[in-house]
N, C-alpha and C. Protein backbone atom coordinates (compact mmCIF):
# COMPACT_ATOMS: atom_id res chain seq x y z
N MET A 1 -13.38 4.21 20.39
CA MET A 1 -12.83 5.69 19.51
C MET A 1 -14.12 6.80 19.53
N SER A 2 -14.36 7.48 19.73
CA SER A 2 -15.57 8.43 20.08
C SER A 2 -15.92 8.49 18.10
N ARG A 3 -16.66 9.04 17.92
CA ARG A 3 -17.69 9.40 16.55
C ARG A 3 -17.13 10.64 16.43
N THR A 4 -16.79 11.52 17.24
CA THR A 4 -16.67 13.10 16.19
C THR A 4 -14.89 12.57 16.71
N VAL A 5 -13.98 11.75 17.03
CA VAL A 5 -12.46 11.12 16.32
C VAL A 5 -12.50 11.30 15.69
N ARG A 6 -13.61 9.65 15.08
CA ARG A 6 -13.16 9.02 13.48
C ARG A 6 -13.85 10.57 12.57
N LEU A 7 -14.53 11.26 12.90
CA LEU A 7 -15.14 12.20 12.41
C LEU A 7 -14.07 12.57 11.93
N ALA A 8 -13.33 13.91 12.87
CA ALA A 8 -11.63 14.66 12.22
C ALA A 8 -10.78 14.00 12.00
N LEU A 9 -10.67 12.26 11.87
CA LEU A 9 -9.55 11.87 11.75
C LEU A 9 -10.15 11.32 9.53
N PHE A 10 -11.69 11.29 9.61
CA PHE A 10 -11.91 11.09 8.26
C PHE A 10 -11.56 11.70 7.23
N LEU A 11 -11.84 12.99 8.13
CA LEU A 11 -11.84 14.64 7.21
C LEU A 11 -10.15 15.28 7.07
N ALA A 12 -9.88 14.44 8.23
CA ALA A 12 -7.62 14.93 7.93
C ALA A 12 -7.63 14.33 7.21
N GLY A 13 -8.06 12.66 7.02
CA GLY A 13 -7.98 11.85 5.67
C GLY A 13 -8.36 12.67 4.38
N ALA A 14 -9.37 12.94 4.24
CA ALA A 14 -9.15 13.32 3.46
C ALA A 14 -9.47 14.77 3.02
N ALA A 15 -8.36 15.10 3.61
CA ALA A 15 -7.38 16.76 3.48
C ALA A 15 -6.76 16.22 2.46
N VAL A 16 -5.62 14.82 3.53
CA VAL A 16 -4.23 14.76 2.91
C VAL A 16 -4.25 14.53 1.50
N PHE A 17 -5.88 13.21 1.29
CA PHE A 17 -5.91 12.86 -0.68
C PHE A 17 -6.46 13.95 -1.01
N GLY A 18 -6.91 14.66 -0.67
CA GLY A 18 -7.50 16.33 -1.54
C GLY A 18 -6.16 17.09 -2.15
N TYR A 19 -4.94 16.56 -1.10
CA TYR A 19 -3.95 17.56 -1.36
C TYR A 19 -3.08 16.72 -2.54
N LEU A 20 -3.24 15.65 -1.84
CA LEU A 20 -1.88 14.76 -2.90
C LEU A 20 -2.66 14.89 -4.20
N VAL A 21 -4.32 14.64 -4.30
CA VAL A 21 -5.00 14.78 -5.73
C VAL A 21 -4.16 16.41 -6.20
N ALA A 22 -4.34 17.07 -5.55
CA ALA A 22 -3.98 18.43 -6.20
C ALA A 22 -2.71 18.86 -6.67
N ARG A 23 -1.63 18.17 -6.20
CA ARG A 23 -0.54 18.02 -6.05
C ARG A 23 0.18 17.86 -7.39
N ILE A 24 0.01 16.06 -7.74
CA ILE A 24 -0.01 15.45 -8.28
C ILE A 24 -0.22 16.21 -9.63
N GLY A 25 -1.93 16.32 -9.57
CA GLY A 25 -2.57 16.55 -10.77
C GLY A 25 -3.41 15.62 -11.63
N ILE A 26 -4.81 16.05 -11.64
CA ILE A 26 -6.06 15.34 -12.09
C ILE A 26 -5.58 15.04 -13.35
N GLY A 27 -5.28 15.65 -14.18
CA GLY A 27 -5.01 15.58 -15.86
C GLY A 27 -3.55 13.89 -15.40
N ARG A 28 -2.65 14.40 -14.86
CA ARG A 28 -1.44 12.81 -14.73
C ARG A 28 -2.21 11.87 -14.51
N LEU A 29 -2.92 12.37 -12.89
CA LEU A 29 -3.75 10.65 -12.68
C LEU A 29 -4.46 9.97 -13.71
N ALA A 30 -4.73 11.06 -14.57
CA ALA A 30 -6.28 10.44 -15.71
C ALA A 30 -5.13 9.58 -16.55
N ALA A 31 -3.96 10.34 -16.85
CA ALA A 31 -3.16 9.35 -18.25
C ALA A 31 -2.69 8.58 -17.76
N ASP A 32 -2.39 8.45 -16.01
CA ASP A 32 -1.60 6.73 -15.35
C ASP A 32 -2.45 6.45 -15.60
N ALA A 33 -4.01 6.58 -15.29
CA ALA A 33 -5.03 5.48 -15.14
C ALA A 33 -5.67 4.77 -17.06
N ALA A 34 -5.71 5.64 -17.65
CA ALA A 34 -5.38 5.31 -19.44
C ALA A 34 -4.30 4.68 -19.96
N ALA A 35 -3.26 4.96 -19.08
CA ALA A 35 -1.74 4.04 -20.08
C ALA A 35 -2.01 2.76 -18.43
N THR A 36 -2.77 2.15 -17.98
CA THR A 36 -3.37 1.16 -17.20
C THR A 36 -3.74 0.42 -17.86
N GLY A 37 -5.46 0.67 -18.28
CA GLY A 37 -6.14 0.36 -19.30
C GLY A 37 -6.67 -0.27 -18.21
N PHE A 38 -7.33 -1.25 -18.82
CA PHE A 38 -8.05 -2.93 -18.22
C PHE A 38 -7.28 -3.92 -17.53
N MET A 39 -6.42 -3.68 -16.83
CA MET A 39 -5.25 -3.90 -16.41
C MET A 39 -5.86 -3.65 -14.66
N PHE A 40 -6.05 -2.69 -14.37
CA PHE A 40 -6.70 -2.34 -13.96
C PHE A 40 -7.41 -3.06 -12.46
N VAL A 41 -8.43 -3.46 -13.64
CA VAL A 41 -9.34 -4.44 -12.23
C VAL A 41 -8.40 -5.64 -12.29
N PRO A 42 -7.80 -6.50 -12.74
CA PRO A 42 -7.79 -7.67 -12.14
C PRO A 42 -6.32 -7.25 -11.63
N ILE A 43 -5.68 -6.22 -11.34
CA ILE A 43 -4.54 -6.09 -9.84
C ILE A 43 -5.70 -5.65 -9.06
N VAL A 44 -6.37 -4.59 -8.88
CA VAL A 44 -7.60 -4.32 -7.43
C VAL A 44 -7.87 -5.62 -7.13
N LEU A 45 -8.68 -6.90 -8.43
CA LEU A 45 -8.92 -8.35 -7.86
C LEU A 45 -7.81 -8.76 -7.05
N LEU A 46 -6.94 -8.92 -7.51
CA LEU A 46 -5.83 -9.44 -6.74
C LEU A 46 -5.44 -9.23 -5.46
N TYR A 47 -5.18 -7.73 -5.91
CA TYR A 47 -5.18 -7.56 -4.19
C TYR A 47 -6.40 -7.97 -3.26
N ALA A 48 -7.62 -7.20 -3.95
CA ALA A 48 -8.71 -8.38 -3.07
C ALA A 48 -7.93 -9.37 -2.73
N VAL A 49 -8.28 -10.64 -3.47
CA VAL A 49 -8.09 -12.03 -3.09
C VAL A 49 -6.56 -11.93 -2.15
N VAL A 50 -5.83 -11.17 -1.99
CA VAL A 50 -5.04 -11.29 -0.82
C VAL A 50 -5.11 -10.44 0.33
N TYR A 51 -5.88 -9.55 0.43
CA TYR A 51 -6.33 -8.76 1.62
C TYR A 51 -7.49 -10.06 2.26
N ALA A 52 -7.96 -10.97 1.13
CA ALA A 52 -9.08 -11.46 1.73
C ALA A 52 -8.54 -13.07 2.37
N CYS A 53 -7.64 -13.30 1.98
CA CYS A 53 -6.63 -14.40 2.55
C CYS A 53 -5.91 -14.15 4.11
N SER A 54 -5.40 -12.94 3.90
CA SER A 54 -4.68 -12.29 4.90
C SER A 54 -5.96 -12.04 7.18
N ALA A 55 -6.71 -11.16 6.23
CA ALA A 55 -8.00 -10.75 7.16
C ALA A 55 -8.48 -12.49 7.67
N PHE A 56 -8.57 -13.62 6.71
CA PHE A 56 -8.71 -14.65 7.10
C PHE A 56 -7.55 -15.42 8.36
N ALA A 57 -6.24 -15.21 7.65
CA ALA A 57 -5.30 -16.06 9.15
C ALA A 57 -4.97 -15.14 9.57
N TRP A 58 -5.94 -13.47 9.98
CA TRP A 58 -5.75 -12.56 10.85
C TRP A 58 -6.38 -12.87 12.14
N ARG A 59 -7.77 -13.56 11.28
CA ARG A 59 -8.72 -13.91 12.29
C ARG A 59 -8.64 -14.97 13.11
N LEU A 60 -7.60 -15.59 12.53
CA LEU A 60 -7.00 -16.91 13.63
C LEU A 60 -6.30 -16.84 13.99
N THR A 61 -5.63 -15.63 14.37
CA THR A 61 -4.40 -15.10 15.89
C THR A 61 -5.70 -14.90 17.23
N MET A 62 -7.10 -14.68 16.50
CA MET A 62 -7.51 -13.54 16.89
C MET A 62 -8.08 -14.87 18.69
N GLY A 63 -8.24 -15.75 18.29
CA GLY A 63 -8.97 -16.99 19.21
C GLY A 63 -10.26 -17.21 18.75
N ASP A 64 -10.61 -18.01 19.64
CA ASP A 64 -12.69 -17.95 19.45
C ASP A 64 -13.07 -17.16 20.12
N SER A 65 -12.80 -16.23 21.24
CA SER A 65 -13.75 -15.87 22.24
C SER A 65 -14.52 -14.49 20.92
N SER A 66 -14.93 -13.49 21.65
CA SER A 66 -14.70 -12.54 21.21
C SER A 66 -14.32 -11.79 20.53
N ARG A 67 -14.61 -11.86 19.08
CA ARG A 67 -14.00 -11.10 17.55
C ARG A 67 -14.47 -10.71 16.73
N PRO A 68 -14.12 -9.57 15.63
CA PRO A 68 -14.89 -8.75 14.83
C PRO A 68 -15.42 -10.18 14.03
N SER A 69 -15.92 -9.08 12.94
CA SER A 69 -16.93 -9.88 12.45
C SER A 69 -15.38 -10.36 10.78
N TYR A 70 -16.01 -11.23 10.51
CA TYR A 70 -14.63 -11.71 9.40
C TYR A 70 -14.69 -10.10 7.79
N TRP A 71 -15.86 -9.21 7.98
CA TRP A 71 -15.54 -8.34 7.14
C TRP A 71 -15.59 -7.22 7.47
N ARG A 72 -15.44 -6.82 9.65
CA ARG A 72 -14.52 -6.01 9.81
C ARG A 72 -12.96 -6.14 10.33
N THR A 73 -12.98 -7.43 10.00
CA THR A 73 -11.26 -7.66 9.92
C THR A 73 -10.65 -7.32 9.03
N TYR A 74 -11.47 -7.62 7.41
CA TYR A 74 -11.09 -7.37 6.61
C TYR A 74 -10.85 -6.04 6.29
N THR A 75 -12.02 -5.06 6.38
CA THR A 75 -11.95 -3.61 6.45
C THR A 75 -10.70 -2.93 6.96
N ILE A 76 -10.72 -3.39 8.27
CA ILE A 76 -9.24 -3.07 9.03
C ILE A 76 -8.19 -3.17 8.41
N SER A 77 -8.02 -4.10 7.67
CA SER A 77 -6.72 -5.57 6.72
C SER A 77 -6.19 -4.31 6.37
N VAL A 78 -7.25 -4.09 4.89
CA VAL A 78 -7.36 -2.93 3.74
C VAL A 78 -6.74 -1.25 4.49
N ALA A 79 -7.93 -1.02 5.63
CA ALA A 79 -7.14 0.42 6.08
C ALA A 79 -5.80 0.29 6.53
N GLY A 80 -5.71 -0.54 7.42
CA GLY A 80 -3.89 -0.48 7.61
C GLY A 80 -3.22 -0.58 6.65
N GLY A 81 -3.34 -1.60 5.80
CA GLY A 81 -2.59 -1.97 4.69
C GLY A 81 -2.38 -0.59 3.68
N ALA A 82 -3.53 0.49 3.48
CA ALA A 82 -3.54 1.44 3.06
C ALA A 82 -2.49 2.66 3.58
N LEU A 83 -2.60 2.46 5.27
CA LEU A 83 -1.96 3.19 5.97
C LEU A 83 -0.70 3.10 6.14
N ASN A 84 -0.27 1.87 5.70
CA ASN A 84 1.34 1.26 6.04
C ASN A 84 1.81 1.93 4.41
N PHE A 85 1.16 1.79 2.73
CA PHE A 85 1.66 2.62 2.11
C PHE A 85 1.73 4.13 2.24
N LEU A 86 1.36 4.66 3.18
CA LEU A 86 1.58 6.36 2.92
C LEU A 86 2.45 6.28 3.87
N THR A 87 2.95 5.35 4.64
CA THR A 87 3.82 5.48 6.55
C THR A 87 5.33 5.94 5.19
N PRO A 88 5.72 7.25 5.30
CA PRO A 88 7.37 7.76 5.28
C PRO A 88 8.05 6.46 5.69
N LEU A 89 8.92 6.19 4.64
CA LEU A 89 10.48 5.32 5.00
C LEU A 89 9.84 4.31 6.04
N ILE A 90 9.35 3.77 6.41
CA ILE A 90 8.81 2.33 7.16
C ILE A 90 7.24 1.68 6.47
N ASN A 91 6.84 0.21 6.72
CA ASN A 91 5.62 0.05 6.64
C ASN A 91 5.24 0.01 7.39
N ALA A 92 4.38 0.71 8.76
CA ALA A 92 4.64 0.58 9.87
C ALA A 92 3.40 1.48 10.54
N GLY A 93 2.54 2.04 9.21
CA GLY A 93 1.21 3.17 10.40
C GLY A 93 0.55 2.18 9.88
N GLY A 94 0.63 1.34 9.87
CA GLY A 94 -0.97 0.65 9.87
C GLY A 94 -0.74 -0.31 10.80
N GLU A 95 0.24 -0.69 11.80
CA GLU A 95 0.17 -1.15 13.14
C GLU A 95 -0.71 -1.22 14.26
N PRO A 96 -0.57 0.36 14.35
CA PRO A 96 -1.05 0.58 15.50
C PRO A 96 -2.64 1.47 15.45
N TYR A 97 -3.13 1.17 14.23
CA TYR A 97 -4.20 1.50 13.47
C TYR A 97 -5.12 0.33 13.74
N ARG A 98 -4.38 -0.64 13.42
CA ARG A 98 -4.92 -2.71 13.28
C ARG A 98 -5.01 -2.65 15.12
N ILE A 99 -4.32 -1.81 16.07
CA ILE A 99 -4.22 -2.50 17.05
C ILE A 99 -5.51 -1.67 17.81
N ALA A 100 -5.68 -0.24 17.77
CA ALA A 100 -6.41 0.67 18.07
C ALA A 100 -7.85 0.59 17.24
N ALA A 101 -8.31 -0.40 16.20
CA ALA A 101 -9.21 -1.07 15.83
C ALA A 101 -9.75 -1.72 16.27
N LEU A 102 -9.02 -2.92 16.79
CA LEU A 102 -9.34 -4.48 17.57
C LEU A 102 -9.80 -4.35 19.12
N THR A 103 -9.33 -2.90 19.74
CA THR A 103 -9.39 -3.13 20.87
C THR A 103 -10.83 -3.42 21.33
N PRO A 104 -11.77 -2.50 20.86
CA PRO A 104 -13.06 -3.13 21.50
C PRO A 104 -13.43 -4.14 21.70
N TRP A 105 -13.41 -5.02 20.88
CA TRP A 105 -13.19 -6.70 20.66
C TRP A 105 -12.68 -7.21 21.23
N LEU A 106 -11.10 -7.26 21.75
CA LEU A 106 -10.05 -8.13 22.34
C LEU A 106 -9.48 -7.33 23.09
N GLY A 107 -9.49 -6.89 23.68
CA GLY A 107 -9.10 -5.66 24.30
C GLY A 107 -7.47 -5.03 23.63
N ARG A 108 -6.83 -4.12 24.68
CA ARG A 108 -5.27 -3.97 23.98
C ARG A 108 -4.65 -5.11 24.01
N ARG A 109 -4.33 -6.00 24.74
CA ARG A 109 -2.84 -6.86 24.88
C ARG A 109 -3.10 -7.47 23.73
N ARG A 110 -4.63 -8.28 23.73
CA ARG A 110 -4.68 -9.25 22.76
C ARG A 110 -4.92 -8.20 21.38
N ALA A 111 -5.06 -7.44 21.40
CA ALA A 111 -4.97 -7.06 20.18
C ALA A 111 -3.12 -6.57 19.32
N ALA A 112 -3.10 -6.30 20.51
CA ALA A 112 -0.98 -5.69 19.80
C ALA A 112 -0.49 -7.78 19.52
N GLY A 113 -1.61 -8.06 20.65
CA GLY A 113 -0.54 -9.96 20.17
C GLY A 113 -0.64 -10.63 18.97
N SER A 114 -2.39 -9.73 19.00
CA SER A 114 -2.90 -10.49 17.84
C SER A 114 -2.22 -9.82 16.19
N VAL A 115 -1.95 -8.81 15.91
CA VAL A 115 -1.57 -7.60 15.26
C VAL A 115 0.06 -8.29 15.26
N ILE A 116 0.22 -8.41 16.14
CA ILE A 116 2.01 -8.24 16.40
C ILE A 116 2.43 -10.14 15.71
N LEU A 117 1.76 -10.89 16.14
CA LEU A 117 1.83 -12.41 15.65
C LEU A 117 1.30 -12.14 14.19
N HIS A 118 0.18 -11.78 13.68
CA HIS A 118 0.01 -12.09 12.19
C HIS A 118 1.38 -11.50 11.01
N ARG A 119 1.57 -10.19 12.33
CA ARG A 119 2.88 -9.53 11.32
C ARG A 119 4.41 -10.58 11.10
N MET A 120 4.38 -11.12 12.15
CA MET A 120 5.52 -11.82 12.30
C MET A 120 4.95 -13.32 11.49
N LEU A 121 4.08 -13.93 10.83
CA LEU A 121 3.90 -15.21 10.72
C LEU A 121 3.70 -14.11 9.05
N HIS A 122 3.75 -12.92 8.89
CA HIS A 122 3.49 -12.47 7.44
C HIS A 122 5.11 -12.14 6.88
N SER A 123 5.45 -11.98 7.27
CA SER A 123 6.97 -11.72 7.37
C SER A 123 7.76 -12.88 7.24
N PHE A 124 7.05 -14.33 7.71
CA PHE A 124 8.12 -15.46 7.39
C PHE A 124 7.76 -16.14 6.57
N ALA A 125 6.20 -15.70 6.03
CA ALA A 125 5.54 -16.20 4.45
C ALA A 125 6.23 -15.56 3.49
N TYR A 126 7.31 -14.71 3.55
CA TYR A 126 7.65 -13.99 2.75
C TYR A 126 8.72 -14.56 2.62
N VAL A 127 9.59 -15.03 3.44
CA VAL A 127 11.11 -15.87 3.77
C VAL A 127 10.62 -16.94 2.93
N LEU A 128 9.66 -17.32 3.60
CA LEU A 128 9.11 -18.76 2.40
C LEU A 128 9.22 -18.83 0.99
N VAL A 129 8.72 -17.79 0.73
CA VAL A 129 9.01 -17.72 -0.51
C VAL A 129 9.91 -17.29 -1.24
N TRP A 130 11.06 -16.36 -0.87
CA TRP A 130 12.34 -16.40 -0.65
C TRP A 130 13.31 -17.31 -0.98
N PHE A 131 13.00 -18.12 0.17
CA PHE A 131 13.86 -19.14 0.16
C PHE A 131 13.16 -20.44 -1.13
N THR A 132 11.76 -20.57 -1.74
CA THR A 132 11.18 -21.17 -2.48
C THR A 132 12.00 -20.15 -4.06
N ALA A 133 11.96 -18.86 -3.86
CA ALA A 133 12.26 -18.45 -5.05
C ALA A 133 14.36 -19.20 -5.33
N ILE A 134 15.30 -18.51 -4.22
CA ILE A 134 16.62 -19.03 -4.42
C ILE A 134 16.12 -20.97 -5.17
N VAL A 135 16.43 -22.04 -4.89
CA VAL A 135 15.72 -22.95 -5.14
C VAL A 135 15.46 -23.16 -6.85
N LEU A 136 13.95 -22.25 -7.07
CA LEU A 136 14.09 -22.03 -8.22
C LEU A 136 15.25 -21.67 -9.00
N ALA A 137 15.88 -20.02 -8.39
CA ALA A 137 17.17 -20.20 -9.45
C ALA A 137 18.17 -20.83 -9.37
N PHE A 138 18.47 -21.48 -7.94
CA PHE A 138 19.14 -23.06 -8.52
C PHE A 138 18.91 -24.33 -9.60
N ALA A 139 17.73 -24.19 -9.94
CA ALA A 139 17.24 -25.37 -10.65
C ALA A 139 16.95 -25.07 -12.63
N LEU A 140 16.63 -23.33 -12.37
CA LEU A 140 16.64 -22.66 -13.69
C LEU A 140 17.50 -21.89 -14.36
N LEU A 141 17.96 -21.27 -13.27
CA LEU A 141 18.78 -20.06 -13.59
C LEU A 141 20.26 -20.48 -14.43
N PRO A 142 21.32 -20.62 -15.13
CA PRO A 142 22.85 -20.77 -16.02
C PRO A 142 23.06 -20.91 -14.49
N ARG A 143 24.38 -21.91 -14.93
CA ARG A 143 25.56 -21.95 -13.55
C ARG A 143 26.84 -21.30 -13.81
N ASP A 144 26.67 -20.01 -13.99
CA ASP A 144 27.37 -19.10 -14.13
C ASP A 144 28.32 -18.50 -13.25
N THR A 145 29.33 -17.77 -12.66
CA THR A 145 29.72 -17.84 -11.11
C THR A 145 28.98 -17.00 -10.94
N SER A 146 28.94 -15.82 -11.09
CA SER A 146 28.03 -14.29 -11.02
C SER A 146 26.52 -14.85 -10.33
N THR A 147 26.44 -15.91 -11.10
CA THR A 147 24.44 -16.01 -10.66
C THR A 147 25.22 -16.57 -9.50
N VAL A 148 26.22 -18.03 -9.69
CA VAL A 148 26.32 -18.87 -8.13
C VAL A 148 26.11 -18.41 -7.10
N VAL A 149 27.03 -17.44 -7.05
CA VAL A 149 27.07 -16.56 -5.84
C VAL A 149 26.13 -14.99 -5.46
N LEU A 150 25.67 -14.67 -6.45
CA LEU A 150 23.87 -13.53 -6.43
C LEU A 150 23.43 -14.94 -5.44
N VAL A 151 22.84 -16.00 -5.73
CA VAL A 151 22.12 -16.74 -5.25
C VAL A 151 22.44 -18.01 -4.11
N VAL A 152 24.03 -17.33 -3.99
CA VAL A 152 24.54 -18.60 -2.60
C VAL A 152 24.42 -16.88 -1.81
N LEU A 153 24.76 -15.69 -1.87
CA LEU A 153 24.11 -14.82 -0.98
C LEU A 153 23.08 -14.89 -0.50
N SER A 154 22.03 -14.52 -1.37
CA SER A 154 20.78 -14.08 -1.15
C SER A 154 19.99 -15.92 -0.39
N ARG A 155 20.48 -16.65 -0.38
CA ARG A 155 20.33 -17.97 0.54
C ARG A 155 20.75 -17.55 2.03
N CYS A 156 22.01 -17.46 1.96
CA CYS A 156 22.75 -16.59 3.41
C CYS A 156 21.75 -15.74 3.95
N SER A 157 21.18 -14.51 3.46
CA SER A 157 20.59 -13.78 3.63
C SER A 157 19.26 -14.02 4.36
N CYS A 158 18.66 -14.95 3.52
CA CYS A 158 17.47 -15.57 3.71
C CYS A 158 17.16 -16.39 5.20
N ARG A 159 18.55 -17.45 5.47
CA ARG A 159 19.23 -17.79 6.64
C ARG A 159 18.82 -17.24 7.82
N ARG A 160 19.78 -15.82 7.31
CA ARG A 160 19.84 -14.52 8.45
C ARG A 160 18.35 -14.43 9.02
N THR A 161 17.61 -14.11 8.26
CA THR A 161 16.38 -13.77 8.32
C THR A 161 15.36 -14.00 8.72
N ALA A 162 15.33 -15.52 8.09
CA ALA A 162 14.89 -16.69 9.06
C ALA A 162 15.45 -17.43 10.11
N ALA A 163 16.04 -17.14 10.71
CA ALA A 163 16.78 -17.49 11.86
C ALA A 163 16.65 -15.86 12.95
N GLY A 164 16.72 -15.10 12.68
CA GLY A 164 15.95 -13.61 13.29
C GLY A 164 14.37 -13.52 13.35
N CYS A 165 13.71 -14.30 12.80
CA CYS A 165 12.45 -14.61 12.77
C CYS A 165 12.17 -15.61 13.48
N TRP A 166 12.78 -16.36 14.01
CA TRP A 166 12.51 -17.82 14.76
C TRP A 166 13.20 -17.65 16.23
N SER A 167 14.82 -16.69 16.17
CA SER A 167 14.91 -16.19 17.35
C SER A 167 13.74 -15.23 18.15
N ALA A 168 13.46 -14.15 17.56
CA ALA A 168 11.98 -13.36 18.17
C ALA A 168 10.70 -13.77 18.34
N CYS A 169 10.79 -15.15 17.76
CA CYS A 169 9.23 -16.03 17.46
C CYS A 169 9.61 -16.35 18.94
N SER A 170 10.43 -17.30 18.93
CA SER A 170 10.75 -18.06 20.48
C SER A 170 11.03 -17.05 21.46
N THR A 171 11.39 -15.97 21.37
CA THR A 171 12.05 -15.23 23.03
C THR A 171 10.57 -14.74 23.27
N GLY A 172 9.26 -14.36 22.46
CA GLY A 172 7.87 -13.78 22.60
C GLY A 172 8.76 -12.28 22.35
């Protein structure tokens, strides 16, 4: 991506950011920040750790040949995550950006494969978290009918999701 295109995209992003700040209002943003208080720091630090672990895992999917540095991978991961949060309806805006950002190091095909593999592993991790939550729900929640029905339905949903992930992963 040329320097001119990057500058144009940065300016477009800054304009959208300015529009959003103007639309929400600086007063409301300041009031929300004040209501959050010092909890803002641990929230940002927690997300920094999550993105750091994600960038490390993502680098593992890139192979050992030419790949970006850890900090470049971290930066691409955070920027892609920000784009995912801004994309309406589904969180899919960051993946094309990640592929484009990795292309100079890996080539388009390997970059796409790395991003898809990382996203699938990320989704599989969510399934594992859901399974853990279901096991804890059986162990810790009271055994009334509605709770058991909800936990069993959740378990079935998780199994179906895991089967879909496994099927997509094994067929390529």
